[in-house]
Amino acid sequence: MSMSNVPDSKLGKMYAEHIELILKKDIDGLLAQYTNDAVLISSFEKVPKYFRGTEELKEHFKGILGIEGLKTDIAFWAETENPDTLMIVEDITMIVGGQEAKMRFADSWVIKNGQIAIHFAGMTQYPDGTVA
């Protein structure tokens, strides 16, 4: 795994842990980063998908089980305090089903009491090269 351009900040450390948990396929560890009533809005399937609460997030995170390698290069990073928020654009390369996939993600988090309460999981470039 490699990560580049991740700042040494509170949310930078949380993001690094997030990526490490994905690589370890640690769904319970990922869920611990989220509030019990968290909402994740995903554009990965080109139509909005909403995952609310621990059980729905658990279903969503089962998708990480097929990931074999992951490289993330942060192209844009912004974070705030009071409230804690994170906005990033990532250049992602991963191996899924033995095939390399390259994508661009635009992720934003709203943090509540040290956990992710809202996660906008955006994809701006899909593995087939098309742009959202």
Protein backbone atom coordinates (compact mmCIF):
# COMPACT_ATOMS: atom_id res chain seq x y z
CA MET A 1 0.00 0.00 0.00
CA SER A 2 1.12 3.48 -0.55
CA MET A 3 -0.37 6.80 0.33
CA SER A 4 1.02 10.11 -0.79
CA ASN A 5 0.24 13.69 0.17
CA VAL A 6 -1.64 12.77 3.38
CA PRO A 7 -0.97 15.50 5.97
CA ASP A 8 0.16 14.75 9.51
CA SER A 9 -3.03 16.11 11.08
CA LYS A 10 -5.87 14.69 13.16
CA LEU A 11 -7.97 13.90 10.08
CA GLY A 12 -4.88 12.87 8.12
CA LYS A 13 -4.25 10.18 10.73
CA MET A 14 -7.92 9.14 10.64
CA TYR A 15 -7.81 8.90 6.83
CA ALA A 16 -4.59 6.82 6.93
CA GLU A 17 -6.25 4.48 9.44
CA HIS A 18 -9.31 4.29 7.16
CA ILE A 19 -7.18 3.16 4.20
CA GLU A 20 -5.27 0.66 6.37
CA LEU A 21 -8.56 -0.82 7.61
CA ILE A 22 -9.74 -1.21 4.00
CA LEU A 23 -6.54 -3.06 3.11
CA LYS A 24 -6.86 -5.30 6.18
CA LYS A 25 -10.48 -5.98 5.13
CA ASP A 26 -11.42 -4.99 8.70
CA ILE A 27 -15.10 -4.15 8.32
CA ASP A 28 -15.66 -3.92 12.09
CA GLY A 29 -12.72 -1.52 12.38
CA LEU A 30 -14.19 0.64 9.61
CA LEU A 31 -17.61 0.62 11.24
CA ALA A 32 -16.00 1.84 14.48
CA GLN A 33 -14.94 4.99 12.60
CA TYR A 34 -18.62 5.81 11.93
CA THR A 35 -21.43 6.95 14.21
CA ASN A 36 -24.24 4.41 14.72
CA ASP A 37 -26.59 6.62 12.68
CA ALA A 38 -24.06 7.58 10.00
CA VAL A 39 -25.13 8.10 6.40
CA LEU A 40 -22.89 7.31 3.44
CA ILE A 41 -23.95 8.62 0.05
CA SER A 42 -22.17 6.87 -2.82
CA SER A 43 -21.97 7.73 -6.51
CA PHE A 44 -19.86 4.66 -7.37
CA GLU A 45 -22.70 3.05 -9.36
CA LYS A 46 -23.49 6.29 -11.27
CA VAL A 47 -26.82 6.59 -9.41
CA PRO A 48 -27.13 7.74 -5.80
CA LYS A 49 -26.90 4.92 -3.23
CA TYR A 50 -27.70 5.69 0.40
CA PHE A 51 -26.40 3.62 3.30
CA ARG A 52 -27.79 4.53 6.72
CA GLY A 53 -26.70 3.09 10.02
CA THR A 54 -24.34 0.29 10.96
CA GLU A 55 -26.11 -2.61 9.19
CA GLU A 56 -26.37 -0.84 5.82
CA LEU A 57 -22.77 0.40 6.10
CA LYS A 58 -21.66 -3.17 6.83
CA GLU A 59 -23.30 -4.30 3.56
CA HIS A 60 -21.61 -1.48 1.67
CA PHE A 61 -18.18 -2.29 3.12
CA LYS A 62 -18.38 -5.92 1.99
CA GLY A 63 -17.21 -4.49 -1.33
CA ILE A 64 -13.71 -4.07 0.11
CA LEU A 65 -13.30 -7.84 0.39
CA GLY A 66 -12.35 -8.02 -3.30
CA ILE A 67 -9.62 -5.36 -3.11
CA GLU A 68 -6.08 -6.76 -3.31
CA GLY A 69 -3.94 -3.66 -3.63
CA LEU A 70 -4.56 0.02 -3.13
CA LYS A 71 -2.56 3.12 -3.91
CA THR A 72 -3.97 6.52 -3.11
CA ASP A 73 -2.45 9.82 -4.14
CA ILE A 74 -4.18 12.84 -2.64
CA ALA A 75 -4.70 15.49 -5.32
CA PHE A 76 -6.67 17.87 -3.08
CA TRP A 77 -6.98 18.03 0.72
CA ALA A 78 -8.98 20.46 2.87
CA GLU A 79 -10.04 20.07 6.49
CA THR A 80 -11.73 22.26 9.06
CA GLU A 81 -12.18 22.26 12.80
CA ASN A 82 -15.37 23.22 14.63
CA PRO A 83 -16.99 21.40 12.92
CA ASP A 84 -14.47 18.76 11.88
CA THR A 85 -14.82 18.20 8.15
CA LEU A 86 -12.65 16.70 5.44
CA MET A 87 -12.79 17.18 1.68
CA ILE A 88 -10.39 15.25 -0.54
CA VAL A 89 -9.85 14.25 -4.15
CA GLU A 90 -7.91 11.01 -4.58
CA ASP A 91 -6.17 9.36 -7.53
CA ILE A 92 -6.80 5.67 -6.75
CA THR A 93 -5.24 2.53 -8.21
CA MET A 94 -6.39 -0.86 -6.95
CA ILE A 95 -6.37 -4.50 -7.98
CA VAL A 96 -9.83 -6.10 -8.08
CA GLY A 97 -10.39 -9.56 -9.55
CA GLY A 98 -6.79 -9.63 -10.72
CA GLN A 99 -7.30 -6.49 -12.81
CA GLU A 100 -5.85 -3.04 -12.18
CA ALA A 101 -8.48 -0.32 -11.88
CA LYS A 102 -7.71 3.41 -11.90
CA MET A 103 -10.28 5.86 -10.55
CA ARG A 104 -10.66 9.34 -9.13
CA PHE A 105 -12.59 9.70 -5.89
CA ALA A 106 -13.97 12.85 -4.26
CA ASP A 107 -14.65 12.03 -0.63
CA SER A 108 -15.99 14.33 2.05
CA TRP A 109 -16.54 13.55 5.72
CA VAL A 110 -18.46 15.36 8.43
CA ILE A 111 -17.13 14.30 11.83
CA LYS A 112 -19.22 14.18 15.02
CA ASN A 113 -17.54 13.33 18.35
CA GLY A 114 -14.50 11.89 16.55
CA GLN A 115 -16.50 9.63 14.21
CA ILE A 116 -17.74 9.99 10.65
CA ALA A 117 -21.40 11.06 10.73
CA ILE A 118 -21.79 11.86 7.02
CA HIS A 119 -19.61 10.45 4.23
CA PHE A 120 -20.05 11.67 0.67
CA ALA A 121 -18.30 8.92 -1.32
CA GLY A 122 -17.98 10.39 -4.76
CA MET A 123 -16.38 8.93 -7.85
CA THR A 124 -15.40 11.45 -10.51
CA GLN A 125 -13.65 9.03 -12.89
CA TYR A 126 -14.84 5.45 -13.21
CA PRO A 127 -12.61 2.41 -13.88
CA ASP A 128 -13.67 2.43 -17.55
CA GLY A 129 -12.22 5.94 -17.90
CA THR A 130 -15.54 7.77 -18.13
CA VAL A 131 -15.88 10.96 -16.14
CA ALA A 132 -18.87 11.76 -13.93
